[in-house]
């Protein structure tokens, strides 16, 4: 069970470091919780941005690699674009072409 009520900066920092995006959780929900923990730990914005990337799955982390963010809201926008793209790729990979409309042959 997640401790949502950190009592010290050290507790908040530990929770921030170890918090990961969970299955079924949106990037926005993950961002809100990780940002909250970073604020409780009194972290600077640049450290929060770095920590946000550290807690996402490898495919998201790879897509964000090499990008530079001036704010956590920039990070969120980019991560949401990646999330949408990955969902589209997954949906396209799951298309059952056997039930698609047959092409008309002449």
PDB file of N, CA and C in Angstrom:
ATOM      1  N   UNK A   1       0.839  -1.184   0.000  1.00  0.00           N
ATOM      2  CA  UNK A   1       0.000   0.000   0.000  1.00  0.00           C
ATOM      3  C   UNK A   1       0.883   1.246   0.000  1.00  0.00           C
ATOM      4  N   UNK A   2       0.468   2.198  -0.750  1.00  0.00           N
ATOM      5  CA  UNK A   2       1.256   3.427  -0.888  1.00  0.00           C
ATOM      6  C   UNK A   2       0.991   4.365   0.280  1.00  0.00           C
ATOM      7  N   UNK A   3       2.059   4.903   0.834  1.00  0.00           N
ATOM      8  CA  UNK A   3       1.929   5.884   1.900  1.00  0.00           C
ATOM      9  C   UNK A   3       1.731   7.251   1.263  1.00  0.00           C
ATOM     10  N   UNK A   4       0.506   7.743   1.279  1.00  0.00           N
ATOM     11  CA  UNK A   4       0.206   9.031   0.655  1.00  0.00           C
ATOM     12  C   UNK A   4       0.404  10.189   1.624  1.00  0.00           C
ATOM     13  N   UNK A   5       0.776   9.899   2.856  1.00  0.00           N
ATOM     14  CA  UNK A   5       0.885  10.952   3.857  1.00  0.00           C
ATOM     15  C   UNK A   5       2.297  10.983   4.426  1.00  0.00           C
ATOM     16  N   UNK A   6       3.239  11.365   3.583  1.00  0.00           N
ATOM     17  CA  UNK A   6       4.623  11.447   4.023  1.00  0.00           C
ATOM     18  C   UNK A   6       4.721  12.457   5.160  1.00  0.00           C
ATOM     19  N   UNK A   7       5.474  12.085   6.189  1.00  0.00           N
ATOM     20  CA  UNK A   7       5.554  12.949   7.365  1.00  0.00           C
ATOM     21  C   UNK A   7       6.816  13.804   7.391  1.00  0.00           C
ATOM     22  N   UNK A   8       7.833  13.416   6.650  1.00  0.00           N
ATOM     23  CA  UNK A   8       9.061  14.210   6.619  1.00  0.00           C
ATOM     24  C   UNK A   8       9.499  14.406   5.176  1.00  0.00           C
ATOM     25  N   UNK A   9      10.414  15.358   4.979  1.00  0.00           N
ATOM     26  CA  UNK A   9      10.974  15.554   3.644  1.00  0.00           C
ATOM     27  C   UNK A   9      11.661  14.281   3.160  1.00  0.00           C
ATOM     28  N   UNK A  10      12.310  13.576   4.080  1.00  0.00           N
ATOM     29  CA  UNK A  10      12.998  12.328   3.729  1.00  0.00           C
ATOM     30  C   UNK A  10      12.031  11.270   3.246  1.00  0.00           C
ATOM     31  N   UNK A  11      10.881  11.146   3.922  1.00  0.00           N
ATOM     32  CA  UNK A  11       9.854  10.195   3.488  1.00  0.00           C
ATOM     33  C   UNK A  11       9.340  10.568   2.106  1.00  0.00           C
ATOM     34  N   UNK A  12       9.060  11.833   1.901  1.00  0.00           N
ATOM     35  CA  UNK A  12       8.544  12.298   0.609  1.00  0.00           C
ATOM     36  C   UNK A  12       9.579  12.063  -0.487  1.00  0.00           C
ATOM     37  N   UNK A  13      10.841  12.321  -0.180  1.00  0.00           N
ATOM     38  CA  UNK A  13      11.894  12.106  -1.167  1.00  0.00           C
ATOM     39  C   UNK A  13      11.997  10.628  -1.529  1.00  0.00           C
ATOM     40  N   UNK A  14      11.956   9.762  -0.529  1.00  0.00           N
ATOM     41  CA  UNK A  14      12.029   8.316  -0.769  1.00  0.00           C
ATOM     42  C   UNK A  14      10.857   7.858  -1.630  1.00  0.00           C
ATOM     43  N   UNK A  15       9.657   8.332  -1.308  1.00  0.00           N
ATOM     44  CA  UNK A  15       8.475   7.983  -2.095  1.00  0.00           C
ATOM     45  C   UNK A  15       8.588   8.522  -3.521  1.00  0.00           C
ATOM     46  N   UNK A  16       9.099   9.728  -3.664  1.00  0.00           N
ATOM     47  CA  UNK A  16       9.298  10.331  -4.984  1.00  0.00           C
ATOM     48  C   UNK A  16      10.240   9.472  -5.830  1.00  0.00           C
ATOM     49  N   UNK A  17      11.351   9.086  -5.259  1.00  0.00           N
ATOM     50  CA  UNK A  17      12.363   8.302  -5.977  1.00  0.00           C
ATOM     51  C   UNK A  17      11.799   6.962  -6.444  1.00  0.00           C
ATOM     52  N   UNK A  18      11.008   6.319  -5.612  1.00  0.00           N
ATOM     53  CA  UNK A  18      10.541   4.959  -5.903  1.00  0.00           C
ATOM     54  C   UNK A  18       9.195   4.893  -6.610  1.00  0.00           C
ATOM     55  N   UNK A  19       8.540   6.014  -6.782  1.00  0.00           N
ATOM     56  CA  UNK A  19       7.217   6.002  -7.406  1.00  0.00           C
ATOM     57  C   UNK A  19       7.343   5.713  -8.899  1.00  0.00           C
ATOM     58  N   UNK A  20       6.546   4.760  -9.392  1.00  0.00           N
ATOM     59  CA  UNK A  20       6.577   4.339 -10.786  1.00  0.00           C
ATOM     60  C   UNK A  20       5.182   4.393 -11.385  1.00  0.00           C
ATOM     61  N   UNK A  21       5.125   4.577 -12.694  1.00  0.00           N
ATOM     62  CA  UNK A  21       3.866   4.516 -13.420  1.00  0.00           C
ATOM     63  C   UNK A  21       3.348   3.086 -13.330  1.00  0.00           C
ATOM     64  N   UNK A  22       2.112   2.955 -12.893  1.00  0.00           N
ATOM     65  CA  UNK A  22       1.515   1.636 -12.698  1.00  0.00           C
ATOM     66  C   UNK A  22       0.643   1.277 -13.894  1.00  0.00           C
ATOM     67  N   UNK A  23       0.459  -0.009 -14.127  1.00  0.00           N
ATOM     68  CA  UNK A  23      -0.413  -0.464 -15.202  1.00  0.00           C
ATOM     69  C   UNK A  23      -1.812   0.095 -15.028  1.00  0.00           C
ATOM     70  N   UNK A  24      -2.374   0.608 -16.095  1.00  0.00           N
ATOM     71  CA  UNK A  24      -3.707   1.194 -16.038  1.00  0.00           C
ATOM     72  C   UNK A  24      -3.733   2.652 -15.602  1.00  0.00           C
ATOM     73  N   UNK A  25      -2.626   3.152 -15.114  1.00  0.00           N
ATOM     74  CA  UNK A  25      -2.543   4.549 -14.675  1.00  0.00           C
ATOM     75  C   UNK A  25      -2.181   5.425 -15.874  1.00  0.00           C
ATOM     76  N   UNK A  26      -2.826   6.571 -15.990  1.00  0.00           N
ATOM     77  CA  UNK A  26      -2.494   7.483 -17.084  1.00  0.00           C
ATOM     78  C   UNK A  26      -1.237   8.276 -16.736  1.00  0.00           C
ATOM     79  N   UNK A  27      -0.621   8.807 -17.765  1.00  0.00           N
ATOM     80  CA  UNK A  27       0.542   9.679 -17.564  1.00  0.00           C
ATOM     81  C   UNK A  27       0.155  10.862 -16.679  1.00  0.00           C
ATOM     82  N   UNK A  28      -1.032  11.413 -16.884  1.00  0.00           N
ATOM     83  CA  UNK A  28      -1.489  12.574 -16.103  1.00  0.00           C
ATOM     84  C   UNK A  28      -1.609  12.221 -14.620  1.00  0.00           C
ATOM     85  N   UNK A  29      -2.197  11.065 -14.308  1.00  0.00           N
ATOM     86  CA  UNK A  29      -2.321  10.644 -12.906  1.00  0.00           C
ATOM     87  C   UNK A  29      -0.947  10.426 -12.281  1.00  0.00           C
ATOM     88  N   UNK A  30      -0.069   9.774 -13.034  1.00  0.00           N
ATOM     89  CA  UNK A  30       1.301   9.547 -12.573  1.00  0.00           C
ATOM     90  C   UNK A  30       1.999  10.886 -12.309  1.00  0.00           C
ATOM     91  N   UNK A  31       1.880  11.805 -13.265  1.00  0.00           N
ATOM     92  CA  UNK A  31       2.494  13.131 -13.159  1.00  0.00           C
ATOM     93  C   UNK A  31       2.000  13.864 -11.911  1.00  0.00           C
ATOM     94  N   UNK A  32       0.689  13.864 -11.699  1.00  0.00           N
ATOM     95  CA  UNK A  32       0.125  14.577 -10.544  1.00  0.00           C
ATOM     96  C   UNK A  32       0.694  14.046  -9.233  1.00  0.00           C
ATOM     97  N   UNK A  33       0.769  12.724  -9.100  1.00  0.00           N
ATOM     98  CA  UNK A  33       1.268  12.141  -7.847  1.00  0.00           C
ATOM     99  C   UNK A  33       2.770  12.378  -7.683  1.00  0.00           C
ATOM    100  N   UNK A  34       3.523  12.188  -8.747  1.00  0.00           N
ATOM    101  CA  UNK A  34       4.974  12.367  -8.654  1.00  0.00           C
ATOM    102  C   UNK A  34       5.312  13.837  -8.388  1.00  0.00           C
ATOM    103  N   UNK A  35       4.590  14.738  -9.012  1.00  0.00           N
ATOM    104  CA  UNK A  35       4.792  16.182  -8.794  1.00  0.00           C
ATOM    105  C   UNK A  35       4.462  16.536  -7.337  1.00  0.00           C
ATOM    106  N   UNK A  36       3.386  15.972  -6.819  1.00  0.00           N
ATOM    107  CA  UNK A  36       3.004  16.215  -5.426  1.00  0.00           C
ATOM    108  C   UNK A  36       4.113  15.755  -4.482  1.00  0.00           C
ATOM    109  N   UNK A  37       4.634  14.562  -4.724  1.00  0.00           N
ATOM    110  CA  UNK A  37       5.698  14.034  -3.870  1.00  0.00           C
ATOM    111  C   UNK A  37       6.969  14.881  -3.977  1.00  0.00           C
ATOM    112  N   UNK A  38       7.289  15.326  -5.187  1.00  0.00           N
ATOM    113  CA  UNK A  38       8.457  16.194  -5.369  1.00  0.00           C
ATOM    114  C   UNK A  38       8.310  17.511  -4.632  1.00  0.00           C
ATOM    115  N   UNK A  39       7.102  18.054  -4.636  1.00  0.00           N
ATOM    116  CA  UNK A  39       6.846  19.307  -3.913  1.00  0.00           C
ATOM    117  C   UNK A  39       6.956  19.096  -2.409  1.00  0.00           C
ATOM    118  N   UNK A  40       6.415  17.974  -1.918  1.00  0.00           N
ATOM    119  CA  UNK A  40       6.526  17.665  -0.485  1.00  0.00           C
ATOM    120  C   UNK A  40       7.985  17.500  -0.063  1.00  0.00           C
ATOM    121  N   UNK A  41       8.794  16.956  -0.966  1.00  0.00           N
ATOM    122  CA  UNK A  41      10.215  16.755  -0.673  1.00  0.00           C
ATOM    123  C   UNK A  41      11.020  18.034  -0.891  1.00  0.00           C
ATOM    124  N   UNK A  42      10.346  19.108  -1.305  1.00  0.00           N
ATOM    125  CA  UNK A  42      10.985  20.406  -1.525  1.00  0.00           C
ATOM    126  C   UNK A  42      12.069  20.339  -2.605  1.00  0.00           C
ATOM    127  N   UNK A  43      11.780  19.589  -3.679  1.00  0.00           N
ATOM    128  CA  UNK A  43      12.730  19.457  -4.777  1.00  0.00           C
ATOM    129  C   UNK A  43      12.599  20.620  -5.752  1.00  0.00           C
ATOM    130  N   UNK A  44      13.696  20.957  -6.395  1.00  0.00           N
ATOM    131  CA  UNK A  44      13.683  21.970  -7.449  1.00  0.00           C
ATOM    132  C   UNK A  44      13.014  21.377  -8.682  1.00  0.00           C
ATOM    133  N   UNK A  45      12.493  22.259  -9.530  1.00  0.00           N
ATOM    134  CA  UNK A  45      11.786  21.840 -10.745  1.00  0.00           C
ATOM    135  C   UNK A  45      12.646  20.923 -11.626  1.00  0.00           C
ATOM    136  N   UNK A  46      13.930  21.237 -11.770  1.00  0.00           N
ATOM    137  CA  UNK A  46      14.798  20.420 -12.626  1.00  0.00           C
ATOM    138  C   UNK A  46      14.923  18.993 -12.099  1.00  0.00           C
ATOM    139  N   UNK A  47      14.903  18.820 -10.779  1.00  0.00           N
ATOM    140  CA  UNK A  47      14.987  17.482 -10.199  1.00  0.00           C
ATOM    141  C   UNK A  47      13.663  16.738 -10.339  1.00  0.00           C
ATOM    142  N   UNK A  48      12.572  17.463 -10.256  1.00  0.00           N
ATOM    143  CA  UNK A  48      11.259  16.846 -10.460  1.00  0.00           C
ATOM    144  C   UNK A  48      11.156  16.337 -11.898  1.00  0.00           C
ATOM    145  N   UNK A  49      11.587  17.146 -12.858  1.00  0.00           N
ATOM    146  CA  UNK A  49      11.535  16.740 -14.268  1.00  0.00           C
ATOM    147  C   UNK A  49      12.340  15.460 -14.480  1.00  0.00           C
ATOM    148  N   UNK A  50      13.529  15.415 -13.939  1.00  0.00           N
ATOM    149  CA  UNK A  50      14.371  14.228 -14.062  1.00  0.00           C
ATOM    150  C   UNK A  50      13.706  13.018 -13.415  1.00  0.00           C
ATOM    151  N   UNK A  51      13.124  13.221 -12.249  1.00  0.00           N
ATOM    152  CA  UNK A  51      12.448  12.135 -11.544  1.00  0.00           C
ATOM    153  C   UNK A  51      11.215  11.637 -12.265  1.00  0.00           C
ATOM    154  N   UNK A  52      10.536  12.522 -12.978  1.00  0.00           N
ATOM    155  CA  UNK A  52       9.363  12.106 -13.749  1.00  0.00           C
ATOM    156  C   UNK A  52       9.763  11.081 -14.802  1.00  0.00           C
ATOM    157  N   UNK A  53      10.849  11.344 -15.498  1.00  0.00           N
ATOM    158  CA  UNK A  53      11.302  10.427 -16.545  1.00  0.00           C
ATOM    159  C   UNK A  53      11.780   9.110 -15.952  1.00  0.00           C
ATOM    160  N   UNK A  54      12.371   9.155 -14.774  1.00  0.00           N
ATOM    161  CA  UNK A  54      12.889   7.939 -14.146  1.00  0.00           C
ATOM    162  C   UNK A  54      11.802   6.930 -13.795  1.00  0.00           C
ATOM    163  N   UNK A  55      10.561   7.366 -13.650  1.00  0.00           N
ATOM    164  CA  UNK A  55       9.521   6.452 -13.193  1.00  0.00           C
ATOM    165  C   UNK A  55       8.621   5.874 -14.266  1.00  0.00           C
ATOM    166  N   UNK A  56       8.925   6.157 -15.537  1.00  0.00           N
ATOM    167  CA  UNK A  56       8.060   5.664 -16.616  1.00  0.00           C
ATOM    168  C   UNK A  56       8.638   4.386 -17.222  1.00  0.00           C
ATOM    169  N   UNK A  57       7.806   3.610 -17.922  1.00  0.00           N
ATOM    170  CA  UNK A  57       8.297   2.387 -18.564  1.00  0.00           C
ATOM    171  C   UNK A  57       9.378   2.693 -19.612  1.00  0.00           C
ATOM    172  N   UNK A  58      10.190   1.696 -19.940  1.00  0.00           N
ATOM    173  CA  UNK A  58      11.298   1.910 -20.875  1.00  0.00           C
ATOM    174  C   UNK A  58      10.885   2.474 -22.234  1.00  0.00           C
ATOM    175  N   UNK A  59       9.731   2.065 -22.770  1.00  0.00           N
ATOM    176  CA  UNK A  59       9.332   2.579 -24.084  1.00  0.00           C
ATOM    177  C   UNK A  59       9.028   4.076 -24.035  1.00  0.00           C
ATOM    178  N   UNK A  60       8.459   4.533 -22.938  1.00  0.00           N
ATOM    179  CA  UNK A  60       8.188   5.965 -22.775  1.00  0.00           C
ATOM    180  C   UNK A  60       9.499   6.705 -22.516  1.00  0.00           C
ATOM    181  N   UNK A  61      10.333   6.142 -21.665  1.00  0.00           N
ATOM    182  CA  UNK A  61      11.628   6.764 -21.357  1.00  0.00           C
ATOM    183  C   UNK A  61      12.466   6.925 -22.626  1.00  0.00           C
ATOM    184  N   UNK A  62      12.465   5.901 -23.475  1.00  0.00           N
ATOM    185  CA  UNK A  62      13.221   5.958 -24.721  1.00  0.00           C
ATOM    186  C   UNK A  62      12.695   7.061 -25.638  1.00  0.00           C
ATOM    187  N   UNK A  63      11.378   7.189 -25.713  1.00  0.00           N
ATOM    188  CA  UNK A  63      10.775   8.223 -26.560  1.00  0.00           C
ATOM    189  C   UNK A  63      11.100   9.630 -26.056  1.00  0.00           C
ATOM    190  N   UNK A  64      11.296   9.776 -24.751  1.00  0.00           N
ATOM    191  CA  UNK A  64      11.599  11.088 -24.167  1.00  0.00           C
ATOM    192  C   UNK A  64      13.102  11.380 -24.115  1.00  0.00           C
ATOM    193  N   UNK A  65      13.908  10.348 -24.366  1.00  0.00           N
ATOM    194  CA  UNK A  65      15.365  10.504 -24.288  1.00  0.00           C
ATOM    195  C   UNK A  65      15.840  11.557 -25.281  1.00  0.00           C
ATOM    196  N   UNK A  66      16.730  12.383 -24.832  1.00  0.00           N
ATOM    197  CA  UNK A  66      17.307  13.408 -25.694  1.00  0.00           C
ATOM    198  C   UNK A  66      16.502  14.695 -25.755  1.00  0.00           C
ATOM    199  N   UNK A  67      15.293  14.668 -25.216  1.00  0.00           N
ATOM    200  CA  UNK A  67      14.484  15.886 -25.192  1.00  0.00           C
ATOM    201  C   UNK A  67      14.852  16.706 -23.966  1.00  0.00           C
ATOM    202  N   UNK A  68      14.725  17.999 -24.079  1.00  0.00           N
ATOM    203  CA  UNK A  68      15.019  18.907 -22.976  1.00  0.00           C
ATOM    204  C   UNK A  68      13.737  19.637 -22.592  1.00  0.00           C
ATOM    205  N   UNK A  69      13.487  19.721 -21.300  1.00  0.00           N
ATOM    206  CA  UNK A  69      12.259  20.354 -20.815  1.00  0.00           C
ATOM    207  C   UNK A  69      12.603  21.493 -19.864  1.00  0.00           C
ATOM    208  N   UNK A  70      11.929  22.627 -20.055  1.00  0.00           N
ATOM    209  CA  UNK A  70      12.117  23.778 -19.176  1.00  0.00           C
ATOM    210  C   UNK A  70      11.174  23.753 -17.989  1.00  0.00           C
ATOM    211  N   UNK A  71      10.140  22.940 -18.074  1.00  0.00           N
ATOM    212  CA  UNK A  71       9.178  22.858 -16.971  1.00  0.00           C
ATOM    213  C   UNK A  71       8.565  21.465 -16.947  1.00  0.00           C
ATOM    214  N   UNK A  72       8.000  21.122 -15.812  1.00  0.00           N
ATOM    215  CA  UNK A  72       7.349  19.818 -15.705  1.00  0.00           C
ATOM    216  C   UNK A  72       6.100  19.758 -16.583  1.00  0.00           C
ATOM    217  N   UNK A  73       5.466  20.898 -16.822  1.00  0.00           N
ATOM    218  CA  UNK A  73       4.290  20.895 -17.702  1.00  0.00           C
ATOM    219  C   UNK A  73       4.696  20.589 -19.149  1.00  0.00           C
ATOM    220  N   UNK A  74       5.886  21.018 -19.564  1.00  0.00           N
ATOM    221  CA  UNK A  74       6.406  20.634 -20.884  1.00  0.00           C
ATOM    222  C   UNK A  74       6.637  19.131 -20.930  1.00  0.00           C
ATOM    223  N   UNK A  75       7.186  18.585 -19.846  1.00  0.00           N
ATOM    224  CA  UNK A  75       7.403  17.145 -19.767  1.00  0.00           C
ATOM    225  C   UNK A  75       6.071  16.419 -19.903  1.00  0.00           C
ATOM    226  N   UNK A  76       5.051  16.885 -19.182  1.00  0.00           N
ATOM    227  CA  UNK A  76       3.733  16.251 -19.226  1.00  0.00           C
ATOM    228  C   UNK A  76       3.176  16.247 -20.643  1.00  0.00           C
ATOM    229  N   UNK A  77       3.251  17.367 -21.332  1.00  0.00           N
ATOM    230  CA  UNK A  77       2.722  17.452 -22.701  1.00  0.00           C
ATOM    231  C   UNK A  77       3.426  16.449 -23.617  1.00  0.00           C
ATOM    232  N   UNK A  78       4.743  16.367 -23.517  1.00  0.00           N
ATOM    233  CA  UNK A  78       5.498  15.424 -24.348  1.00  0.00           C
ATOM    234  C   UNK A  78       5.162  13.981 -23.982  1.00  0.00           C
ATOM    235  N   UNK A  79       5.078  13.694 -22.696  1.00  0.00           N
ATOM    236  CA  UNK A  79       4.774  12.332 -22.250  1.00  0.00           C
ATOM    237  C   UNK A  79       3.363  11.915 -22.667  1.00  0.00           C
ATOM    238  N   UNK A  80       2.422  12.841 -22.657  1.00  0.00           N
ATOM    239  CA  UNK A  80       1.064  12.523 -23.098  1.00  0.00           C
ATOM    240  C   UNK A  80       1.034  12.248 -24.605  1.00  0.00           C
ATOM    241  N   UNK A  81       1.846  12.958 -25.375  1.00  0.00           N
ATOM    242  CA  UNK A  81       1.938  12.668 -26.814  1.00  0.00           C
ATOM    243  C   UNK A  81       2.493  11.263 -27.031  1.00  0.00           C
ATOM    244  N   UNK A  82       3.502  10.894 -26.260  1.00  0.00           N
ATOM    245  CA  UNK A  82       4.076   9.551 -26.353  1.00  0.00           C
ATOM    246  C   UNK A  82       3.026   8.514 -25.964  1.00  0.00           C
ATOM    247  N   UNK A  83       2.309   8.772 -24.883  1.00  0.00           N
ATOM    248  CA  UNK A  83       1.263   7.858 -24.421  1.00  0.00           C
ATOM    249  C   UNK A  83       0.224   7.626 -25.524  1.00  0.00           C
ATOM    250  N   UNK A  84      -0.233   8.692 -26.159  1.00  0.00           N
ATOM    251  CA  UNK A  84      -1.219   8.593 -27.235  1.00  0.00           C
ATOM    252  C   UNK A  84      -0.655   7.801 -28.408  1.00  0.00           C
ATOM    253  N   UNK A  85       0.572   8.077 -28.765  1.00  0.00           N
ATOM    254  CA  UNK A  85       1.219   7.378 -29.874  1.00  0.00           C
ATOM    255  C   UNK A  85       1.344   5.883 -29.588  1.00  0.00           C
ATOM    256  N   UNK A  86       1.752   5.537 -28.383  1.00  0.00           N
ATOM    257  CA  UNK A  86       1.898   4.125 -28.019  1.00  0.00           C
ATOM    258  C   UNK A  86       0.551   3.412 -28.012  1.00  0.00           C
ATOM    259  N   UNK A  87      -0.496   4.099 -27.566  1.00  0.00           N
ATOM    260  CA  UNK A  87      -1.837   3.504 -27.582  1.00  0.00           C
ATOM    261  C   UNK A  87      -2.289   3.247 -29.013  1.00  0.00           C
ATOM    262  N   UNK A  88      -2.006   4.180 -29.911  1.00  0.00           N
ATOM    263  CA  UNK A  88      -2.366   3.999 -31.327  1.00  0.00           C
ATOM    264  C   UNK A  88      -1.610   2.821 -31.927  1.00  0.00           C
ATOM    265  N   UNK A  89      -0.325   2.720 -31.616  1.00  0.00           N
ATOM    266  CA  UNK A  89       0.473   1.605 -32.135  1.00  0.00           C
ATOM    267  C   UNK A  89      -0.062   0.275 -31.633  1.00  0.00           C
ATOM    268  N   UNK A  90      -0.430   0.223 -30.364  1.00  0.00           N
ATOM    269  CA  UNK A  90      -0.977  -1.001 -29.788  1.00  0.00           C
ATOM    270  C   UNK A  90      -2.304  -1.353 -30.438  1.00  0.00           C
ATOM    271  N   UNK A  91      -3.153  -0.360 -30.631  1.00  0.00           N
ATOM    272  CA  UNK A  91      -4.454  -0.592 -31.262  1.00  0.00           C
ATOM    273  C   UNK A  91      -4.271  -1.072 -32.696  1.00  0.00           C
ATOM    274  N   UNK A  92      -3.346  -0.483 -33.428  1.00  0.00           N
ATOM    275  CA  UNK A  92      -3.099  -0.886 -34.813  1.00  0.00           C
ATOM    276  C   UNK A  92      -2.556  -2.308 -34.878  1.00  0.00           C
ATOM    277  N   UNK A  93      -1.736  -2.676 -33.918  1.00  0.00           N
ATOM    278  CA  UNK A  93      -1.173  -4.023 -33.892  1.00  0.00           C
ATOM    279  C   UNK A  93      -2.230  -5.067 -33.556  1.00  0.00           C
ATOM    280  N   UNK A  94      -3.309  -4.652 -32.907  1.00  0.00           N
ATOM    281  CA  UNK A  94      -4.364  -5.582 -32.506  1.00  0.00           C
ATOM    282  C   UNK A  94      -5.513  -5.668 -33.503  1.00  0.00           C
ATOM    283  N   UNK A  95      -5.397  -5.010 -34.651  1.00  0.00           N
ATOM    284  CA  UNK A  95      -6.457  -5.052 -35.656  1.00  0.00           C
ATOM    285  C   UNK A  95      -6.525  -6.455 -36.242  1.00  0.00           C
ATOM    286  N   UNK A  96      -7.736  -6.984 -36.315  1.00  0.00           N
ATOM    287  CA  UNK A  96      -7.955  -8.310 -36.893  1.00  0.00           C
ATOM    288  C   UNK A  96      -8.318  -8.123 -38.361  1.00  0.00           C
ATOM    289  N   UNK A  97      -7.354  -8.320 -39.228  1.00  0.00           N
ATOM    290  CA  UNK A  97      -7.576  -8.079 -40.651  1.00  0.00           C
ATOM    291  C   UNK A  97      -8.458  -9.141 -41.291  1.00  0.00           C
ATOM    292  N   UNK A  98      -8.664 -10.264 -40.629  1.00  0.00           N
ATOM    293  CA  UNK A  98      -9.515 -11.312 -41.208  1.00  0.00           C
ATOM    294  C   UNK A  98     -10.978 -10.891 -41.247  1.00  0.00           C
ATOM    295  N   UNK A  99     -11.364  -9.930 -40.427  1.00  0.00           N
ATOM    296  CA  UNK A  99     -12.755  -9.473 -40.422  1.00  0.00           C
ATOM    297  C   UNK A  99     -12.928  -8.155 -41.159  1.00  0.00           C
ATOM    298  N   UNK A 100     -11.849  -7.646 -41.704  1.00  0.00           N
ATOM    299  CA  UNK A 100     -11.933  -6.385 -42.444  1.00  0.00           C
ATOM    300  C   UNK A 100     -12.728  -6.599 -43.728  1.00  0.00           C
ATOM    301  N   UNK A 101     -13.253  -5.536 -44.265  1.00  0.00           N
ATOM    302  CA  UNK A 101     -14.028  -5.625 -45.503  1.00  0.00           C
ATOM    303  C   UNK A 101     -13.158  -6.208 -46.610  1.00  0.00           C
ATOM    304  N   UNK A 102     -13.666  -7.220 -47.303  1.00  0.00           N
ATOM    305  CA  UNK A 102     -12.865  -7.795 -48.388  1.00  0.00           C
ATOM    306  C   UNK A 102     -12.772  -6.809 -49.551  1.00  0.00           C
ATOM    307  N   UNK A 103     -11.679  -6.871 -50.254  1.00  0.00           N
ATOM    308  CA  UNK A 103     -11.526  -6.002 -51.417  1.00  0.00           C
ATOM    309  C   UNK A 103     -12.265  -6.618 -52.587  1.00  0.00           C
ATOM    310  N   UNK A 104     -12.789  -5.784 -53.407  1.00  0.00           N
ATOM    311  CA  UNK A 104     -13.541  -6.236 -54.572  1.00  0.00           C
ATOM    312  C   UNK A 104     -12.553  -6.629 -55.660  1.00  0.00           C
ATOM    313  N   UNK A 105     -12.691  -7.831 -56.161  1.00  0.00           N
ATOM    314  CA  UNK A 105     -11.794  -8.296 -57.219  1.00  0.00           C
ATOM    315  C   UNK A 105     -12.517  -8.275 -58.547  1.00  0.00           C
ATOM    316  N   UNK A 106     -11.806  -7.930 -59.563  1.00  0.00           N
ATOM    317  CA  UNK A 106     -12.392  -7.872 -60.906  1.00  0.00           C
ATOM    318  C   UNK A 106     -11.967  -9.059 -61.701  1.00  0.00           C
TER     319      UNK A 106
END
